[in-house]
Amino acid sequence: MDKKLFWKKNSTTISRYFIVAILFTLISILKPGFASGSHIKVLLAEAAIIGVAAIGQTLVIITGGIDMSIPWIFNGAAMAAFAFSNTFTGADFGLVIIGILTVGFLLGMINGICVTYLGIPSIVMTLGTNTILQGAVTGLTSGSIVGQAPNILKVLSTGSFFGISVAFLFWIVLAVIVLLLLRKTGYGRALYALGNNRTVAKFSGIHVKRVEAIAYGISGMSAALAGLMLLGKTGSAYLGMGNPFQFQSIAAVALGGVAMSGGSGSYLGTVAGAMTIAVLLSVLTALNLSQAMQQVLYGIILFAAVLIATIQNSKNRSSKL
């Protein structure tokens, strides 16, 4: 491939990784120990959870929609696994994980079916689902449950393989699968076609409603998987643990250069976006600021970064028209 063509096609994604590298380098100089092996392992594990939560969000946004139900599918999955750990152990718990991921997929499909077949706006439908799940999980658990984080989830989230975070390696495997899905399959091409022009996609023979509904299903399943990973990291499940991931999953996608209007972008960019958020969170923690001040600065910085990324991406799309 011609170098100019390669850069034109991948400049947005490459620039995101360049920004992550610069940010990490500057902070490492200002904060000795920030670039230590143990801290990098923690950073990559945190980025992995954000990145996994953003898998489905990437697919949904490529179609031109948005998924606001991630927090409580995430939360419900973690609390279910936490509670079932008292009853199921070993290989039996593997079936529990499969069941939780299946329920996450089905909840996402409910969102997708209502959005595509009933015409409910995605933000309204998914926010409604999120609110219903919040009430259901809170009511069923009475605000707290007794359990423990299963060993398999602890290993996944906090373990290491030759000094490399298992969570990061697992994320890389998932990222490769998602990239192949988007770039090498008819389903991936259908997602982009849908995001660019629904009418053209429909007349091209694409099953628009089915393609879009499945994207929401994948989003529900990836949110549930991220919830299980955070349970393994924290060792406990609690109400509201998924709330930060509503904005983080969207921000990772936007920072990665995926068009919020749909039709363009890559999960490879979302990976860079997730890493950026993880570094930012770590920096704010290292500054020893109050929790309230951390939240304020985090919100301002992330909002500004997403706004700049969105404007830049809009200009890039306009220049190609």
C-alpha atoms as a PDB file:
ATOM      1  CA  MET A   1       0.000   0.000   0.000  1.00  0.00           C
ATOM      2  CA  ASP A   2       1.242   3.499  -0.858  1.00  0.00           C
ATOM      3  CA  LYS A   3       2.575   5.365   2.210  1.00  0.00           C
ATOM      4  CA  LYS A   4       0.423   8.428   1.569  1.00  0.00           C
ATOM      5  CA  LEU A   5      -2.682   6.283   1.160  1.00  0.00           C
ATOM      6  CA  PHE A   6      -1.812   4.322   4.314  1.00  0.00           C
ATOM      7  CA  TRP A   7      -1.358   7.519   6.344  1.00  0.00           C
ATOM      8  CA  LYS A   8      -4.556   9.043   4.984  1.00  0.00           C
ATOM      9  CA  LYS A   9      -6.491   5.920   5.908  1.00  0.00           C
ATOM     10  CA  ASN A  10      -4.958   5.407   9.360  1.00  0.00           C
ATOM     11  CA  SER A  11      -3.807   8.873  10.445  1.00  0.00           C
ATOM     12  CA  THR A  12      -6.589   9.298  13.010  1.00  0.00           C
ATOM     13  CA  THR A  13      -5.859   5.990  14.753  1.00  0.00           C
ATOM     14  CA  ILE A  14      -2.080   6.485  14.655  1.00  0.00           C
ATOM     15  CA  SER A  15      -2.401   9.987  16.099  1.00  0.00           C
ATOM     16  CA  ARG A  16      -4.395   8.585  19.037  1.00  0.00           C
ATOM     17  CA  TYR A  17      -1.591   6.189  19.972  1.00  0.00           C
ATOM     18  CA  PHE A  18       0.929   8.992  19.560  1.00  0.00           C
ATOM     19  CA  ILE A  19      -1.042  11.110  22.045  1.00  0.00           C
ATOM     20  CA  VAL A  20      -1.167   8.213  24.541  1.00  0.00           C
ATOM     21  CA  ALA A  21       2.610   7.760  24.247  1.00  0.00           C
ATOM     22  CA  ILE A  22       3.311  11.484  24.767  1.00  0.00           C
ATOM     23  CA  LEU A  23       0.940  11.710  27.733  1.00  0.00           C
ATOM     24  CA  PHE A  24       2.456   8.630  29.369  1.00  0.00           C
ATOM     25  CA  THR A  25       6.021   9.868  28.789  1.00  0.00           C
ATOM     26  CA  LEU A  26       5.361  13.328  30.243  1.00  0.00           C
ATOM     27  CA  ILE A  27       3.676  11.950  33.346  1.00  0.00           C
ATOM     28  CA  SER A  28       6.471   9.408  33.816  1.00  0.00           C
ATOM     29  CA  ILE A  29       9.007  12.243  33.876  1.00  0.00           C
ATOM     30  CA  LEU A  30       6.971  14.311  36.327  1.00  0.00           C
ATOM     31  CA  LYS A  31       5.995  11.355  38.534  1.00  0.00           C
ATOM     32  CA  PRO A  32       8.873   8.912  39.167  1.00  0.00           C
ATOM     33  CA  GLY A  33       7.576   5.367  39.478  1.00  0.00           C
ATOM     34  CA  PHE A  34       4.647   5.982  37.165  1.00  0.00           C
ATOM     35  CA  ALA A  35       6.368   3.908  34.487  1.00  0.00           C
ATOM     36  CA  SER A  36       7.280   1.050  36.820  1.00  0.00           C
ATOM     37  CA  GLY A  37       6.425  -2.460  35.677  1.00  0.00           C
ATOM     38  CA  SER A  38       3.878  -3.002  38.445  1.00  0.00           C
ATOM     39  CA  HIS A  39       2.082   0.259  37.692  1.00  0.00           C
ATOM     40  CA  ILE A  40       2.002  -0.393  33.948  1.00  0.00           C
ATOM     41  CA  LYS A  41       0.415  -3.764  34.705  1.00  0.00           C
ATOM     42  CA  VAL A  42      -2.321  -2.035  36.726  1.00  0.00           C
ATOM     43  CA  LEU A  43      -2.840   0.563  33.980  1.00  0.00           C
ATOM     44  CA  LEU A  44      -3.238  -2.075  31.298  1.00  0.00           C
ATOM     45  CA  ALA A  45      -5.716  -4.043  33.431  1.00  0.00           C
ATOM     46  CA  GLU A  46      -7.812  -0.908  33.982  1.00  0.00           C
ATOM     47  CA  ALA A  47      -7.687  -0.055  30.282  1.00  0.00           C
ATOM     48  CA  ALA A  48      -8.771  -3.619  29.487  1.00  0.00           C
ATOM     49  CA  ILE A  49     -11.989  -3.315  31.503  1.00  0.00           C
ATOM     50  CA  ILE A  50     -12.840   0.009  29.845  1.00  0.00           C
ATOM     51  CA  GLY A  51     -11.934  -1.412  26.443  1.00  0.00           C
ATOM     52  CA  VAL A  52     -14.076  -4.520  26.874  1.00  0.00           C
ATOM     53  CA  ALA A  53     -17.061  -2.403  27.957  1.00  0.00           C
ATOM     54  CA  ALA A  54     -16.508  -0.299  24.827  1.00  0.00           C
ATOM     55  CA  ILE A  55     -16.519  -3.232  22.376  1.00  0.00           C
ATOM     56  CA  GLY A  56     -20.271  -3.244  21.885  1.00  0.00           C
ATOM     57  CA  GLN A  57     -20.477   0.527  22.230  1.00  0.00           C
ATOM     58  CA  THR A  58     -18.131   0.803  19.232  1.00  0.00           C
ATOM     59  CA  LEU A  59     -20.374  -1.393  17.094  1.00  0.00           C
ATOM     60  CA  VAL A  60     -23.534   0.436  18.154  1.00  0.00           C
ATOM     61  CA  ILE A  61     -22.049   3.881  17.491  1.00  0.00           C
ATOM     62  CA  ILE A  62     -20.785   2.751  14.081  1.00  0.00           C
ATOM     63  CA  THR A  63     -24.448   2.055  13.210  1.00  0.00           C
ATOM     64  CA  GLY A  64     -25.333   5.590  14.310  1.00  0.00           C
ATOM     65  CA  GLY A  65     -26.872   4.643  17.659  1.00  0.00           C
ATOM     66  CA  ILE A  66     -25.730   4.752  21.275  1.00  0.00           C
ATOM     67  CA  ASP A  67     -26.050   2.376  24.247  1.00  0.00           C
ATOM     68  CA  MET A  68     -26.778   3.986  27.615  1.00  0.00           C
ATOM     69  CA  SER A  69     -27.692   0.706  29.345  1.00  0.00           C
ATOM     70  CA  ILE A  70     -24.111  -0.460  29.843  1.00  0.00           C
ATOM     71  CA  PRO A  71     -23.815   0.590  33.536  1.00  0.00           C
ATOM     72  CA  TRP A  72     -26.528  -1.641  34.943  1.00  0.00           C
ATOM     73  CA  ILE A  73     -26.022  -4.604  32.652  1.00  0.00           C
ATOM     74  CA  PHE A  74     -22.417  -4.316  33.883  1.00  0.00           C
ATOM     75  CA  ASN A  75     -23.551  -3.980  37.505  1.00  0.00           C
ATOM     76  CA  GLY A  76     -26.144  -6.738  37.310  1.00  0.00           C
ATOM     77  CA  ALA A  77     -23.624  -9.197  35.835  1.00  0.00           C
ATOM     78  CA  ALA A  78     -21.101  -8.505  38.603  1.00  0.00           C
ATOM     79  CA  MET A  79     -23.666  -8.859  41.384  1.00  0.00           C
ATOM     80  CA  ALA A  80     -25.124 -12.038  39.884  1.00  0.00           C
ATOM     81  CA  ALA A  81     -21.672 -13.651  39.686  1.00  0.00           C
ATOM     82  CA  PHE A  82     -20.903 -12.480  43.224  1.00  0.00           C
ATOM     83  CA  ALA A  83     -24.110 -14.024  44.570  1.00  0.00           C
ATOM     84  CA  PHE A  84     -23.847 -17.304  42.604  1.00  0.00           C
ATOM     85  CA  SER A  85     -20.293 -17.829  43.852  1.00  0.00           C
ATOM     86  CA  ASN A  86     -21.803 -19.135  47.110  1.00  0.00           C
ATOM     87  CA  THR A  87     -23.557 -21.949  45.266  1.00  0.00           C
ATOM     88  CA  PHE A  88     -21.392 -22.797  42.253  1.00  0.00           C
ATOM     89  CA  THR A  89     -17.657 -23.492  42.211  1.00  0.00           C
ATOM     90  CA  GLY A  90     -15.030 -24.764  39.792  1.00  0.00           C
ATOM     91  CA  ALA A  91     -16.239 -25.919  36.410  1.00  0.00           C
ATOM     92  CA  ASP A  92     -19.856 -25.310  37.417  1.00  0.00           C
ATOM     93  CA  PHE A  93     -19.126 -21.604  37.699  1.00  0.00           C
ATOM     94  CA  GLY A  94     -18.073 -21.644  34.049  1.00  0.00           C
ATOM     95  CA  LEU A  95     -21.706 -22.371  33.230  1.00  0.00           C
ATOM     96  CA  VAL A  96     -22.734 -19.430  35.416  1.00  0.00           C
ATOM     97  CA  ILE A  97     -20.447 -17.141  33.412  1.00  0.00           C
ATOM     98  CA  ILE A  98     -21.901 -18.406  30.139  1.00  0.00           C
ATOM     99  CA  GLY A  99     -25.403 -17.849  31.528  1.00  0.00           C
ATOM    100  CA  ILE A 100     -24.596 -14.287  32.645  1.00  0.00           C
ATOM    101  CA  LEU A 101     -23.074 -13.397  29.266  1.00  0.00           C
ATOM    102  CA  THR A 102     -26.121 -14.893  27.520  1.00  0.00           C
ATOM    103  CA  VAL A 103     -28.481 -12.801  29.641  1.00  0.00           C
ATOM    104  CA  GLY A 104     -26.363  -9.729  28.841  1.00  0.00           C
ATOM    105  CA  PHE A 105     -26.692 -10.509  25.137  1.00  0.00           C
ATOM    106  CA  LEU A 106     -30.470 -10.988  25.433  1.00  0.00           C
ATOM    107  CA  LEU A 107     -30.896  -7.706  27.316  1.00  0.00           C
ATOM    108  CA  GLY A 108     -28.927  -5.984  24.569  1.00  0.00           C
ATOM    109  CA  MET A 109     -31.111  -7.682  21.960  1.00  0.00           C
ATOM    110  CA  ILE A 110     -34.217  -6.324  23.684  1.00  0.00           C
ATOM    111  CA  ASN A 111     -32.719  -2.860  23.253  1.00  0.00           C
ATOM    112  CA  GLY A 112     -31.894  -3.598  19.628  1.00  0.00           C
ATOM    113  CA  ILE A 113     -35.300  -5.032  18.760  1.00  0.00           C
ATOM    114  CA  CYS A 114     -37.124  -2.090  20.308  1.00  0.00           C
ATOM    115  CA  VAL A 115     -34.838   0.407  18.553  1.00  0.00           C
ATOM    116  CA  THR A 116     -34.963  -1.248  15.144  1.00  0.00           C
ATOM    117  CA  TYR A 117     -38.415  -2.801  14.939  1.00  0.00           C
ATOM    118  CA  LEU A 118     -40.410  -0.378  17.110  1.00  0.00           C
ATOM    119  CA  GLY A 119     -38.530   2.767  16.109  1.00  0.00           C
ATOM    120  CA  ILE A 120     -37.734   3.903  19.652  1.00  0.00           C
ATOM    121  CA  PRO A 121     -34.723   6.283  19.684  1.00  0.00           C
ATOM    122  CA  SER A 122     -31.656   4.435  20.951  1.00  0.00           C
ATOM    123  CA  ILE A 123     -30.864   6.934  23.710  1.00  0.00           C
ATOM    124  CA  VAL A 124     -34.427   6.736  25.051  1.00  0.00           C
ATOM    125  CA  MET A 125     -34.667   2.946  24.870  1.00  0.00           C
ATOM    126  CA  THR A 126     -31.284   2.189  26.402  1.00  0.00           C
ATOM    127  CA  LEU A 127     -31.676   4.793  29.158  1.00  0.00           C
ATOM    128  CA  GLY A 128     -35.043   3.240  29.959  1.00  0.00           C
ATOM    129  CA  THR A 129     -33.506  -0.220  30.119  1.00  0.00           C
ATOM    130  CA  ASN A 130     -30.733   1.105  32.344  1.00  0.00           C
ATOM    131  CA  THR A 131     -33.254   2.620  34.759  1.00  0.00           C
ATOM    132  CA  ILE A 132     -35.360  -0.557  34.869  1.00  0.00           C
ATOM    133  CA  LEU A 133     -32.288  -2.690  35.553  1.00  0.00           C
ATOM    134  CA  GLN A 134     -31.126  -0.298  38.256  1.00  0.00           C
ATOM    135  CA  GLY A 135     -34.442  -0.662  40.046  1.00  0.00           C
ATOM    136  CA  ALA A 136     -34.540  -4.432  39.530  1.00  0.00           C
ATOM    137  CA  VAL A 137     -31.003  -5.059  40.765  1.00  0.00           C
ATOM    138  CA  THR A 138     -31.462  -2.745  43.753  1.00  0.00           C
ATOM    139  CA  GLY A 139     -34.778  -4.357  44.655  1.00  0.00           C
ATOM    140  CA  LEU A 140     -33.575  -7.953  44.297  1.00  0.00           C
ATOM    141  CA  THR A 141     -30.413  -7.391  46.325  1.00  0.00           C
ATOM    142  CA  SER A 142     -31.826  -4.886  48.847  1.00  0.00           C
ATOM    143  CA  GLY A 143     -28.691  -2.866  48.242  1.00  0.00           C
ATOM    144  CA  SER A 144     -26.188  -5.536  49.268  1.00  0.00           C
ATOM    145  CA  ILE A 145     -25.362  -9.205  48.762  1.00  0.00           C
ATOM    146  CA  VAL A 146     -23.043 -11.750  50.337  1.00  0.00           C
ATOM    147  CA  GLY A 147     -20.544 -13.593  48.204  1.00  0.00           C
ATOM    148  CA  GLN A 148     -17.010 -13.668  46.932  1.00  0.00           C
ATOM    149  CA  ALA A 149     -15.130 -13.075  43.718  1.00  0.00           C
ATOM    150  CA  PRO A 150     -14.534 -16.461  42.032  1.00  0.00           C
ATOM    151  CA  ASN A 151     -10.892 -17.414  41.524  1.00  0.00           C
ATOM    152  CA  ILE A 152     -11.287 -17.624  37.750  1.00  0.00           C
ATOM    153  CA  LEU A 153     -12.290 -13.947  37.643  1.00  0.00           C
ATOM    154  CA  LYS A 154      -9.490 -12.962  40.035  1.00  0.00           C
ATOM    155  CA  VAL A 155      -6.942 -14.642  37.771  1.00  0.00           C
ATOM    156  CA  LEU A 156      -8.458 -12.997  34.693  1.00  0.00           C
ATOM    157  CA  SER A 157      -8.392  -9.505  36.203  1.00  0.00           C
ATOM    158  CA  THR A 158      -5.326  -9.478  38.460  1.00  0.00           C
ATOM    159  CA  GLY A 159      -3.182 -12.374  37.267  1.00  0.00           C
ATOM    160  CA  SER A 160      -0.059 -12.140  35.145  1.00  0.00           C
ATOM    161  CA  PHE A 161       1.555 -14.265  32.451  1.00  0.00           C
ATOM    162  CA  PHE A 162       5.319 -13.795  32.179  1.00  0.00           C
ATOM    163  CA  GLY A 163       4.876 -10.419  33.869  1.00  0.00           C
ATOM    164  CA  ILE A 164       2.105  -9.272  31.514  1.00  0.00           C
ATOM    165  CA  SER A 165      -1.419  -8.625  32.775  1.00  0.00           C
ATOM    166  CA  VAL A 166      -3.763 -11.510  31.932  1.00  0.00           C
ATOM    167  CA  ALA A 167      -6.610  -8.992  31.579  1.00  0.00           C
ATOM    168  CA  PHE A 168      -4.601  -7.089  28.955  1.00  0.00           C
ATOM    169  CA  LEU A 169      -3.748 -10.263  27.036  1.00  0.00           C
ATOM    170  CA  PHE A 170      -7.401 -11.312  27.119  1.00  0.00           C
ATOM    171  CA  TRP A 171      -8.379  -7.856  25.837  1.00  0.00           C
ATOM    172  CA  ILE A 172      -5.870  -8.085  22.999  1.00  0.00           C
ATOM    173  CA  VAL A 173      -7.386 -11.407  21.903  1.00  0.00           C
ATOM    174  CA  LEU A 174     -10.868  -9.867  21.968  1.00  0.00           C
ATOM    175  CA  ALA A 175      -9.586  -6.788  20.091  1.00  0.00           C
ATOM    176  CA  VAL A 176      -8.196  -8.977  17.301  1.00  0.00           C
ATOM    177  CA  ILE A 177     -11.541 -10.776  17.041  1.00  0.00           C
ATOM    178  CA  VAL A 178     -13.441  -7.479  16.873  1.00  0.00           C
ATOM    179  CA  LEU A 179     -11.052  -6.057  14.255  1.00  0.00           C
ATOM    180  CA  LEU A 180     -11.453  -9.166  12.111  1.00  0.00           C
ATOM    181  CA  LEU A 181     -15.222  -8.935  12.542  1.00  0.00           C
ATOM    182  CA  LEU A 182     -15.273  -5.322  11.369  1.00  0.00           C
ATOM    183  CA  ARG A 183     -12.749  -5.581   8.550  1.00  0.00           C
ATOM    184  CA  LYS A 184     -13.046  -9.099   7.175  1.00  0.00           C
ATOM    185  CA  THR A 185     -16.693 -10.121   7.493  1.00  0.00           C
ATOM    186  CA  GLY A 186     -19.904  -9.221   5.736  1.00  0.00           C
ATOM    187  CA  TYR A 187     -21.417  -8.294   9.091  1.00  0.00           C
ATOM    188  CA  GLY A 188     -18.712  -5.717   9.728  1.00  0.00           C
ATOM    189  CA  ARG A 189     -19.164  -4.162   6.301  1.00  0.00           C
ATOM    190  CA  ALA A 190     -22.924  -4.099   6.907  1.00  0.00           C
ATOM    191  CA  LEU A 191     -22.402  -2.140  10.137  1.00  0.00           C
ATOM    192  CA  TYR A 192     -20.474   0.587   8.300  1.00  0.00           C
ATOM    193  CA  ALA A 193     -22.988   0.640   5.469  1.00  0.00           C
ATOM    194  CA  LEU A 194     -25.804   1.043   7.964  1.00  0.00           C
ATOM    195  CA  GLY A 195     -24.033   3.922   9.699  1.00  0.00           C
ATOM    196  CA  ASN A 196     -23.348   5.711   6.428  1.00  0.00           C
ATOM    197  CA  ASN A 197     -26.784   5.464   4.855  1.00  0.00           C
ATOM    198  CA  ARG A 198     -29.600   3.226   6.060  1.00  0.00           C
ATOM    199  CA  THR A 199     -31.626   3.567   2.870  1.00  0.00           C
ATOM    200  CA  VAL A 200     -28.732   2.602   0.614  1.00  0.00           C
ATOM    201  CA  ALA A 201     -27.851  -0.274   2.959  1.00  0.00           C
ATOM    202  CA  LYS A 202     -31.422  -1.555   2.808  1.00  0.00           C
ATOM    203  CA  PHE A 203     -31.578  -1.450  -0.984  1.00  0.00           C
ATOM    204  CA  SER A 204     -28.183  -3.169  -1.128  1.00  0.00           C
ATOM    205  CA  GLY A 205     -29.799  -6.258   0.338  1.00  0.00           C
ATOM    206  CA  ILE A 206     -28.544  -5.802   3.911  1.00  0.00           C
ATOM    207  CA  HIS A 207     -30.886  -6.979   6.679  1.00  0.00           C
ATOM    208  CA  VAL A 208     -30.627  -3.598   8.397  1.00  0.00           C
ATOM    209  CA  LYS A 209     -32.780  -4.370  11.433  1.00  0.00           C
ATOM    210  CA  ARG A 210     -31.082  -7.675  12.175  1.00  0.00           C
ATOM    211  CA  VAL A 211     -27.593  -6.210  11.813  1.00  0.00           C
ATOM    212  CA  GLU A 212     -28.399  -3.338  14.154  1.00  0.00           C
ATOM    213  CA  ALA A 213     -30.170  -5.497  16.743  1.00  0.00           C
ATOM    214  CA  ILE A 214     -27.195  -7.855  16.952  1.00  0.00           C
ATOM    215  CA  ALA A 215     -24.880  -4.875  17.583  1.00  0.00           C
ATOM    216  CA  TYR A 216     -26.923  -4.022  20.682  1.00  0.00           C
ATOM    217  CA  GLY A 217     -26.829  -7.678  21.719  1.00  0.00           C
ATOM    218  CA  ILE A 218     -23.028  -7.684  21.513  1.00  0.00           C
ATOM    219  CA  SER A 219     -22.992  -4.454  23.516  1.00  0.00           C
ATOM    220  CA  GLY A 220     -25.003  -6.071  26.295  1.00  0.00           C
ATOM    221  CA  MET A 221     -22.715  -9.098  26.349  1.00  0.00           C
ATOM    222  CA  SER A 222     -19.510  -7.035  26.397  1.00  0.00           C
ATOM    223  CA  ALA A 223     -20.909  -4.897  29.234  1.00  0.00           C
ATOM    224  CA  ALA A 224     -21.644  -8.058  31.233  1.00  0.00           C
ATOM    225  CA  LEU A 225     -18.124  -9.367  30.548  1.00  0.00           C
ATOM    226  CA  ALA A 226     -16.571  -6.081  31.703  1.00  0.00           C
ATOM    227  CA  GLY A 227     -18.651  -6.311  34.887  1.00  0.00           C
ATOM    228  CA  LEU A 228     -17.254  -9.773  35.593  1.00  0.00           C
ATOM    229  CA  MET A 229     -13.727  -8.462  35.033  1.00  0.00           C
ATOM    230  CA  LEU A 230     -14.210  -5.587  37.477  1.00  0.00           C
ATOM    231  CA  LEU A 231     -15.608  -8.040  40.045  1.00  0.00           C
ATOM    232  CA  GLY A 232     -12.404 -10.049  39.712  1.00  0.00           C
ATOM    233  CA  LYS A 233     -10.342  -6.888  40.193  1.00  0.00           C
ATOM    234  CA  THR A 234     -12.168  -5.427  43.198  1.00  0.00           C
ATOM    235  CA  GLY A 235     -13.087  -8.728  44.862  1.00  0.00           C
ATOM    236  CA  SER A 236     -16.622  -7.541  45.614  1.00  0.00           C
ATOM    237  CA  ALA A 237     -19.781  -6.301  43.927  1.00  0.00           C
ATOM    238  CA  TYR A 238     -21.678  -3.174  44.944  1.00  0.00           C
ATOM    239  CA  LEU A 239     -24.429  -0.937  43.645  1.00  0.00           C
ATOM    240  CA  GLY A 240     -23.274   1.696  41.186  1.00  0.00           C
ATOM    241  CA  MET A 241     -20.001  -0.006  40.254  1.00  0.00           C
ATOM    242  CA  GLY A 242     -20.896   0.218  36.572  1.00  0.00           C
ATOM    243  CA  ASN A 243     -21.904   3.884  36.545  1.00  0.00           C
ATOM    244  CA  PRO A 244     -18.502   5.326  35.504  1.00  0.00           C
ATOM    245  CA  PHE A 245     -18.470   3.079  32.454  1.00  0.00           C
ATOM    246  CA  GLN A 246     -21.423   4.789  30.810  1.00  0.00           C
ATOM    247  CA  PHE A 247     -19.355   7.831  29.949  1.00  0.00           C
ATOM    248  CA  GLN A 248     -16.047   5.980  29.750  1.00  0.00           C
ATOM    249  CA  SER A 249     -17.288   3.553  27.089  1.00  0.00           C
ATOM    250  CA  ILE A 250     -18.604   6.422  24.963  1.00  0.00           C
ATOM    251  CA  ALA A 251     -15.506   8.561  25.573  1.00  0.00           C
ATOM    252  CA  ALA A 252     -13.164   5.722  24.576  1.00  0.00           C
ATOM    253  CA  VAL A 253     -15.028   5.356  21.279  1.00  0.00           C
ATOM    254  CA  ALA A 254     -15.050   9.110  20.592  1.00  0.00           C
ATOM    255  CA  LEU A 255     -11.401   9.565  21.571  1.00  0.00           C
ATOM    256  CA  GLY A 256     -10.534   6.682  19.279  1.00  0.00           C
ATOM    257  CA  GLY A 257     -11.862   8.537  16.268  1.00  0.00           C
ATOM    258  CA  VAL A 258     -15.103   6.646  15.687  1.00  0.00           C
ATOM    259  CA  ALA A 259     -17.653   9.063  14.223  1.00  0.00           C
ATOM    260  CA  MET A 260     -20.461   9.639  16.728  1.00  0.00           C
ATOM    261  CA  SER A 261     -22.832   9.964  13.781  1.00  0.00           C
ATOM    262  CA  GLY A 262     -21.832   6.493  12.615  1.00  0.00           C
ATOM    263  CA  GLY A 263     -20.303   5.009   9.495  1.00  0.00           C
ATOM    264  CA  SER A 264     -16.569   5.295  10.196  1.00  0.00           C
ATOM    265  CA  GLY A 265     -13.903   4.434  12.726  1.00  0.00           C
ATOM    266  CA  SER A 266     -12.207   1.339  14.075  1.00  0.00           C
ATOM    267  CA  TYR A 267     -11.998  -0.564  17.332  1.00  0.00           C
ATOM    268  CA  LEU A 268      -8.237  -0.116  17.106  1.00  0.00           C
ATOM    269  CA  GLY A 269      -8.892   3.556  17.821  1.00  0.00           C
ATOM    270  CA  THR A 270     -11.180   2.639  20.730  1.00  0.00           C
ATOM    271  CA  VAL A 271      -8.276   0.684  22.232  1.00  0.00           C
ATOM    272  CA  ALA A 272      -6.186   3.877  22.227  1.00  0.00           C
ATOM    273  CA  GLY A 273      -9.126   5.780  23.708  1.00  0.00           C
ATOM    274  CA  ALA A 274      -9.433   3.270  26.560  1.00  0.00           C
ATOM    275  CA  MET A 275      -5.705   3.551  27.270  1.00  0.00           C
ATOM    276  CA  THR A 276      -5.959   7.345  27.336  1.00  0.00           C
ATOM    277  CA  ILE A 277      -8.748   7.214  29.918  1.00  0.00           C
ATOM    278  CA  ALA A 278      -6.828   4.719  32.070  1.00  0.00           C
ATOM    279  CA  VAL A 279      -3.727   6.953  32.062  1.00  0.00           C
ATOM    280  CA  LEU A 280      -5.818  10.022  32.884  1.00  0.00           C
ATOM    281  CA  LEU A 281      -7.506   8.305  35.828  1.00  0.00           C
ATOM    282  CA  SER A 282      -4.144   7.131  37.141  1.00  0.00           C
ATOM    283  CA  VAL A 283      -2.663  10.625  36.859  1.00  0.00           C
ATOM    284  CA  LEU A 284      -5.525  12.191  38.820  1.00  0.00           C
ATOM    285  CA  THR A 285      -5.130   9.565  41.538  1.00  0.00           C
ATOM    286  CA  ALA A 286      -1.363  10.189  41.704  1.00  0.00           C
ATOM    287  CA  LEU A 287      -1.927  13.922  42.264  1.00  0.00           C
ATOM    288  CA  ASN A 288      -3.461  13.132  45.685  1.00  0.00           C
ATOM    289  CA  LEU A 289      -6.424  15.423  45.111  1.00  0.00           C
ATOM    290  CA  SER A 290      -9.722  15.037  46.908  1.00  0.00           C
ATOM    291  CA  GLN A 291     -12.222  12.629  45.335  1.00  0.00           C
ATOM    292  CA  ALA A 292     -14.518  15.517  44.461  1.00  0.00           C
ATOM    293  CA  MET A 293     -11.748  17.495  42.748  1.00  0.00           C
ATOM    294  CA  GLN A 294     -10.623  14.396  40.853  1.00  0.00           C
ATOM    295  CA  GLN A 295     -14.133  13.938  39.487  1.00  0.00           C
ATOM    296  CA  VAL A 296     -14.381  17.590  38.452  1.00  0.00           C
ATOM    297  CA  LEU A 297     -11.025  17.607  36.659  1.00  0.00           C
ATOM    298  CA  TYR A 298     -11.678  14.212  35.102  1.00  0.00           C
ATOM    299  CA  GLY A 299     -15.014  15.351  33.732  1.00  0.00           C
ATOM    300  CA  ILE A 300     -13.646  18.625  32.356  1.00  0.00           C
ATOM    301  CA  ILE A 301     -10.559  17.068  30.734  1.00  0.00           C
ATOM    302  CA  LEU A 302     -12.444  14.141  29.254  1.00  0.00           C
ATOM    303  CA  PHE A 303     -15.277  16.310  27.979  1.00  0.00           C
ATOM    304  CA  ALA A 304     -12.783  18.667  26.315  1.00  0.00           C
ATOM    305  CA  ALA A 305     -10.851  15.758  24.793  1.00  0.00           C
ATOM    306  CA  VAL A 306     -14.003  14.110  23.436  1.00  0.00           C
ATOM    307  CA  LEU A 307     -15.222  17.446  22.039  1.00  0.00           C
ATOM    308  CA  ILE A 308     -11.914  18.075  20.253  1.00  0.00           C
ATOM    309  CA  ALA A 309     -11.824  14.502  18.921  1.00  0.00           C
ATOM    310  CA  THR A 310     -15.408  14.751  17.679  1.00  0.00           C
ATOM    311  CA  ILE A 311     -14.790  18.089  15.924  1.00  0.00           C
ATOM    312  CA  GLN A 312     -11.582  16.753  14.359  1.00  0.00           C
ATOM    313  CA  ASN A 313     -13.345  13.629  13.153  1.00  0.00           C
ATOM    314  CA  SER A 314     -16.201  15.683  11.679  1.00  0.00           C
ATOM    315  CA  LYS A 315     -13.712  17.810   9.745  1.00  0.00           C
ATOM    316  CA  ASN A 316     -11.961  14.663   8.472  1.00  0.00           C
ATOM    317  CA  ARG A 317     -15.257  13.238   7.238  1.00  0.00           C
ATOM    318  CA  SER A 318     -16.234  16.519   5.577  1.00  0.00           C
ATOM    319  CA  SER A 319     -12.924  16.723   3.731  1.00  0.00           C
ATOM    320  CA  LYS A 320     -13.542  13.254   2.247  1.00  0.00           C
ATOM    321  CA  LEU A 321     -16.957  14.183   0.857  1.00  0.00           C
END
